[in-house]
Structures are given as structure tokens and as C-alpha cells.
C-alpha atoms as a PDB file:
ATOM      1  CA  UNK A   1       2.282  16.291  10.579  1.00  0.00           C
ATOM      2  CA  UNK A   2       1.096  17.309   6.782  1.00  0.00           C
ATOM      3  CA  UNK A   3       3.009  19.894   4.972  1.00  0.00           C
ATOM      4  CA  UNK A   4       1.840  22.079   2.344  1.00  0.00           C
ATOM      5  CA  UNK A   5       4.905  20.732   0.468  1.00  0.00           C
ATOM      6  CA  UNK A   6       3.905  17.600   1.058  1.00  0.00           C
ATOM      7  CA  UNK A   7       0.176  18.180  -0.404  1.00  0.00           C
ATOM      8  CA  UNK A   8       2.030  19.744  -3.497  1.00  0.00           C
ATOM      9  CA  UNK A   9       3.761  16.813  -4.114  1.00  0.00           C
ATOM     10  CA  UNK A  10       0.849  14.883  -3.656  1.00  0.00           C
ATOM     11  CA  UNK A  11      -1.167  17.231  -6.408  1.00  0.00           C
ATOM     12  CA  UNK A  12       1.430  16.801  -8.735  1.00  0.00           C
ATOM     13  CA  UNK A  13       1.516  12.876  -8.300  1.00  0.00           C
ATOM     14  CA  UNK A  14      -2.126  12.676  -8.786  1.00  0.00           C
ATOM     15  CA  UNK A  15      -1.844  15.139 -12.059  1.00  0.00           C
ATOM     16  CA  UNK A  16       0.496  12.725 -13.546  1.00  0.00           C
ATOM     17  CA  UNK A  17      -1.515   9.602 -12.544  1.00  0.00           C
ATOM     18  CA  UNK A  18      -4.232  11.105 -14.570  1.00  0.00           C
ATOM     19  CA  UNK A  19      -1.945  11.994 -17.657  1.00  0.00           C
ATOM     20  CA  UNK A  20      -0.708   8.574 -17.669  1.00  0.00           C
ATOM     21  CA  UNK A  21      -4.611   7.463 -17.612  1.00  0.00           C
ATOM     22  CA  UNK A  22      -5.166   9.575 -20.905  1.00  0.00           C
ATOM     23  CA  UNK A  23      -1.942   8.336 -22.772  1.00  0.00           C
ATOM     24  CA  UNK A  24      -3.298   5.021 -22.676  1.00  0.00           C
ATOM     25  CA  UNK A  25      -6.656   6.095 -23.640  1.00  0.00           C
ATOM     26  CA  UNK A  26      -5.408   7.633 -26.712  1.00  0.00           C
ATOM     27  CA  UNK A  27      -3.486   5.107 -27.930  1.00  0.00           C
ATOM     28  CA  UNK A  28      -6.480   2.613 -27.776  1.00  0.00           C
ATOM     29  CA  UNK A  29      -8.319   5.347 -29.095  1.00  0.00           C
ATOM     30  CA  UNK A  30      -5.529   5.814 -31.914  1.00  0.00           C
ATOM     31  CA  UNK A  31      -5.239   1.606 -32.066  1.00  0.00           C
ATOM     32  CA  UNK A  32      -8.790   1.583 -32.796  1.00  0.00           C
ATOM     33  CA  UNK A  33      -9.392   4.291 -35.400  1.00  0.00           C
ATOM     34  CA  UNK A  34      -6.115   2.400 -36.959  1.00  0.00           C
ATOM     35  CA  UNK A  35      -8.289  -0.932 -36.852  1.00  0.00           C
ATOM     36  CA  UNK A  36     -11.150   0.179 -38.133  1.00  0.00           C
ATOM     37  CA  UNK A  37      -9.066   2.170 -41.106  1.00  0.00           C
ATOM     38  CA  UNK A  38      -7.525  -0.527 -42.359  1.00  0.00           C
ATOM     39  CA  UNK A  39     -10.896  -2.708 -42.094  1.00  0.00           C
ATOM     40  CA  UNK A  40     -12.200  -0.669 -45.012  1.00  0.00           C
ATOM     41  CA  UNK A  41     -15.693   0.150 -45.777  1.00  0.00           C
ATOM     42  CA  UNK A  42     -18.361  -2.507 -44.392  1.00  0.00           C
ATOM     43  CA  UNK A  43     -18.358  -5.985 -46.364  1.00  0.00           C
ATOM     44  CA  UNK A  44     -22.354  -5.701 -46.559  1.00  0.00           C
ATOM     45  CA  UNK A  45     -25.052  -4.078 -44.626  1.00  0.00           C
ATOM     46  CA  UNK A  46     -24.745  -6.818 -41.494  1.00  0.00           C
ATOM     47  CA  UNK A  47     -21.139  -6.236 -41.014  1.00  0.00           C
ATOM     48  CA  UNK A  48     -20.795  -4.518 -37.775  1.00  0.00           C
ATOM     49  CA  UNK A  49     -17.277  -4.715 -36.922  1.00  0.00           C
ATOM     50  CA  UNK A  50     -16.613  -0.791 -38.060  1.00  0.00           C
ATOM     51  CA  UNK A  51     -19.686   0.172 -36.324  1.00  0.00           C
ATOM     52  CA  UNK A  52     -17.855  -1.802 -33.652  1.00  0.00           C
ATOM     53  CA  UNK A  53     -14.495   0.043 -33.823  1.00  0.00           C
ATOM     54  CA  UNK A  54     -16.432   3.356 -33.642  1.00  0.00           C
ATOM     55  CA  UNK A  55     -18.675   3.012 -30.579  1.00  0.00           C
ATOM     56  CA  UNK A  56     -15.185   1.462 -28.843  1.00  0.00           C
ATOM     57  CA  UNK A  57     -13.627   5.206 -29.716  1.00  0.00           C
ATOM     58  CA  UNK A  58     -16.802   6.813 -28.951  1.00  0.00           C
ATOM     59  CA  UNK A  59     -16.748   5.408 -25.544  1.00  0.00           C
ATOM     60  CA  UNK A  60     -13.001   5.587 -24.925  1.00  0.00           C
ATOM     61  CA  UNK A  61     -13.322   9.750 -26.000  1.00  0.00           C
ATOM     62  CA  UNK A  62     -16.047   9.827 -23.375  1.00  0.00           C
ATOM     63  CA  UNK A  63     -13.562   8.433 -21.154  1.00  0.00           C
ATOM     64  CA  UNK A  64     -10.773  10.471 -22.258  1.00  0.00           C
ATOM     65  CA  UNK A  65     -12.519  13.760 -21.970  1.00  0.00           C
ATOM     66  CA  UNK A  66     -13.878  12.972 -17.993  1.00  0.00           C
ATOM     67  CA  UNK A  67     -10.045  12.075 -17.320  1.00  0.00           C
ATOM     68  CA  UNK A  68      -9.044  15.623 -18.685  1.00  0.00           C
ATOM     69  CA  UNK A  69     -12.446  17.040 -16.715  1.00  0.00           C
ATOM     70  CA  UNK A  70     -10.529  15.663 -13.574  1.00  0.00           C
ATOM     71  CA  UNK A  71      -6.994  17.060 -14.414  1.00  0.00           C
ATOM     72  CA  UNK A  72      -8.501  20.358 -14.564  1.00  0.00           C
ATOM     73  CA  UNK A  73      -9.489  19.921 -11.043  1.00  0.00           C
ATOM     74  CA  UNK A  74      -5.874  19.676 -10.154  1.00  0.00           C
ATOM     75  CA  UNK A  75      -5.038  22.692 -11.666  1.00  0.00           C
ATOM     76  CA  UNK A  76      -7.678  24.686  -9.366  1.00  0.00           C
ATOM     77  CA  UNK A  77      -6.864  23.746  -5.936  1.00  0.00           C
ATOM     78  CA  UNK A  78      -5.045  26.377  -4.129  1.00  0.00           C
ATOM     79  CA  UNK A  79      -1.129  25.561  -3.533  1.00  0.00           C
ATOM     80  CA  UNK A  80      -0.596  28.405  -1.610  1.00  0.00           C
ATOM     81  CA  UNK A  81      -1.752  27.947   1.617  1.00  0.00           C
ATOM     82  CA  UNK A  82      -3.095  25.392   3.942  1.00  0.00           C
ATOM     83  CA  UNK A  83      -6.655  25.039   4.196  1.00  0.00           C
ATOM     84  CA  UNK A  84      -8.761  25.906   7.794  1.00  0.00           C
ATOM     85  CA  UNK A  85     -11.732  23.444   6.788  1.00  0.00           C
ATOM     86  CA  UNK A  86     -12.043  20.478   5.344  1.00  0.00           C
ATOM     87  CA  UNK A  87     -13.230  21.557   1.141  1.00  0.00           C
ATOM     88  CA  UNK A  88     -12.635  20.177  -1.636  1.00  0.00           C
ATOM     89  CA  UNK A  89      -8.352  20.201  -2.058  1.00  0.00           C
ATOM     90  CA  UNK A  90      -8.097  19.410   1.379  1.00  0.00           C
ATOM     91  CA  UNK A  91      -5.438  16.632   2.549  1.00  0.00           C
ATOM     92  CA  UNK A  92      -7.067  14.936   5.919  1.00  0.00           C
ATOM     93  CA  UNK A  93      -5.692  12.741   8.306  1.00  0.00           C
ATOM     94  CA  UNK A  94      -8.049  10.759  10.418  1.00  0.00           C
ATOM     95  CA  UNK A  95      -6.991   8.202  13.394  1.00  0.00           C
ATOM     96  CA  UNK A  96      -7.882   5.568  10.355  1.00  0.00           C
ATOM     97  CA  UNK A  97      -6.625   7.066   6.896  1.00  0.00           C
ATOM     98  CA  UNK A  98      -5.296   9.621   4.997  1.00  0.00           C
ATOM     99  CA  UNK A  99      -7.650  11.054   2.473  1.00  0.00           C
ATOM    100  CA  UNK A 100      -7.672  13.666  -0.106  1.00  0.00           C
ATOM    101  CA  UNK A 101     -10.431  15.338  -1.516  1.00  0.00           C
ATOM    102  CA  UNK A 102     -10.272  16.128  -5.328  1.00  0.00           C
ATOM    103  CA  UNK A 103     -11.159  13.441  -8.256  1.00  0.00           C
ATOM    104  CA  UNK A 104     -12.210   9.394  -7.404  1.00  0.00           C
ATOM    105  CA  UNK A 105      -8.425   8.080  -7.869  1.00  0.00           C
ATOM    106  CA  UNK A 106      -8.882   5.468  -5.290  1.00  0.00           C
ATOM    107  CA  UNK A 107      -6.386   4.148  -3.138  1.00  0.00           C
ATOM    108  CA  UNK A 108      -2.856   5.300  -3.812  1.00  0.00           C
ATOM    109  CA  UNK A 109       0.447   4.813  -2.381  1.00  0.00           C
ATOM    110  CA  UNK A 110       2.809   7.961  -2.117  1.00  0.00           C
ATOM    111  CA  UNK A 111       5.655   8.117  -0.652  1.00  0.00           C
ATOM    112  CA  UNK A 112       5.227   5.193   1.902  1.00  0.00           C
ATOM    113  CA  UNK A 113       1.763   6.128   2.583  1.00  0.00           C
ATOM    114  CA  UNK A 114      -1.731   4.902   1.607  1.00  0.00           C
ATOM    115  CA  UNK A 115      -4.150   7.873   0.514  1.00  0.00           C
ATOM    116  CA  UNK A 116      -7.535   7.720  -0.620  1.00  0.00           C
ATOM    117  CA  UNK A 117      -8.101  10.099  -3.336  1.00  0.00           C
ATOM    118  CA  UNK A 118     -12.201  10.785  -3.009  1.00  0.00           C
ATOM    119  CA  UNK A 119     -14.844  12.901  -4.971  1.00  0.00           C
ATOM    120  CA  UNK A 120     -16.144  15.694  -3.343  1.00  0.00           C
ATOM    121  CA  UNK A 121     -19.559  13.678  -4.171  1.00  0.00           C
ATOM    122  CA  UNK A 122     -18.860  10.702  -1.617  1.00  0.00           C
ATOM    123  CA  UNK A 123     -20.698  10.153   1.469  1.00  0.00           C
ATOM    124  CA  UNK A 124     -17.616  10.357   3.334  1.00  0.00           C
ATOM    125  CA  UNK A 125     -16.536  14.032   2.482  1.00  0.00           C
ATOM    126  CA  UNK A 126     -20.101  15.075   2.658  1.00  0.00           C
ATOM    127  CA  UNK A 127     -19.614  14.011   6.550  1.00  0.00           C
ATOM    128  CA  UNK A 128     -16.441  16.024   7.090  1.00  0.00           C
ATOM    129  CA  UNK A 129     -17.168  18.896   4.891  1.00  0.00           C
ATOM    130  CA  UNK A 130     -16.361  22.146   6.593  1.00  0.00           C
ATOM    131  CA  UNK A 131     -14.953  20.490   9.563  1.00  0.00           C
ATOM    132  CA  UNK A 132     -11.513  21.798  11.240  1.00  0.00           C
ATOM    133  CA  UNK A 133      -8.569  20.572  12.318  1.00  0.00           C
ATOM    134  CA  UNK A 134      -8.549  18.523  15.753  1.00  0.00           C
ATOM    135  CA  UNK A 135     -12.901  18.290  15.248  1.00  0.00           C
ATOM    136  CA  UNK A 136     -14.503  15.501  15.106  1.00  0.00           C
ATOM    137  CA  UNK A 137     -17.877  14.198  13.352  1.00  0.00           C
ATOM    138  CA  UNK A 138     -20.271  11.355  13.600  1.00  0.00           C
ATOM    139  CA  UNK A 139     -20.637   9.434  10.198  1.00  0.00           C
ATOM    140  CA  UNK A 140     -22.458   6.226  10.476  1.00  0.00           C
ATOM    141  CA  UNK A 141     -21.756   4.299  13.469  1.00  0.00           C
ATOM    142  CA  UNK A 142     -17.978   5.832  14.094  1.00  0.00           C
ATOM    143  CA  UNK A 143     -16.626   9.066  14.839  1.00  0.00           C
ATOM    144  CA  UNK A 144     -14.367  10.494  12.869  1.00  0.00           C
ATOM    145  CA  UNK A 145     -11.235  13.031  14.444  1.00  0.00           C
ATOM    146  CA  UNK A 146      -9.890  15.128  11.914  1.00  0.00           C
ATOM    147  CA  UNK A 147      -6.089  14.867  13.325  1.00  0.00           C
ATOM    148  CA  UNK A 148      -4.788  16.854  10.900  1.00  0.00           C
ATOM    149  CA  UNK A 149      -5.867  19.096   7.612  1.00  0.00           C
ATOM    150  CA  UNK A 150      -3.638  21.212   4.895  1.00  0.00           C
END
């Protein structure tokens, strides 16, 4: 049986995962900036190394921004009560899997269980959205039973 305490621990774990990813990205950004600064000005007009480093910084900064947005989603999840229907922030147990609707973190191993952390933009979520505990819904060629929900 799923509990609210388990869900709160999972939210904290997911937040920690995102913080670790953000820290790694920030270190990569800092390293690319250092390399670019140490390199100095371009050697000639065909020297693209500095531009390459700056493009890398821009790409990594965009990824960091997305991770920070994902982290804000976890802060907005209501931790005060169990949910009655599947929506963002729901921890859902089906016959085949445990799914947490939040962001796209993928499959996580948490306290001895595999949990799929999915975005509300995936088709699976669209199929189970609004479904109550102990109900079932068709998704593709299978019937999904919602065994538990918190």
C-alpha cells in the first residue's frame, strides 16, 4: 500500500536527483567558461574554438534552465494529502508498474522498487489522467488497473 510519507520521500529523492544534475551542469559550464577565458582572443578570423566553447555554454545553460524548471514542479506538488484521481503529482500503482507523474526522470530505483517518473505530456498519462483508485482504463491494447493512488 502506498503512503503519503513514501510519496514525500520520493519527491525529496527526485529533487535531489535534479539538484545533482544541476550541479554537474554548472560544473561543465564553469569548465567551458574557464577554457574559453584561458584560450584568450581568437587567433584569426577562422579560429572557431572560442565560439565553440560559447555555444557549449549556451547549450548547457539551456539544459540547466530546464532542470531548474523541473525542480520547481516538485516544490508545487501538494504533500498535505493523498490524491483521489490521477493528476500531476500522483503516485500511481498499477498491476505492472509504479508511476509518479511529475517530470521526465525516467526509471528510478527507490527503496527497493522501480518507479517510472513521467511527465504529464506522455501518452500513458493522458490515458490514466482523472482515473480514480480501483478503476481501470484502456491504453493501447491493454487494460490498466489503478490499484493504489496517493
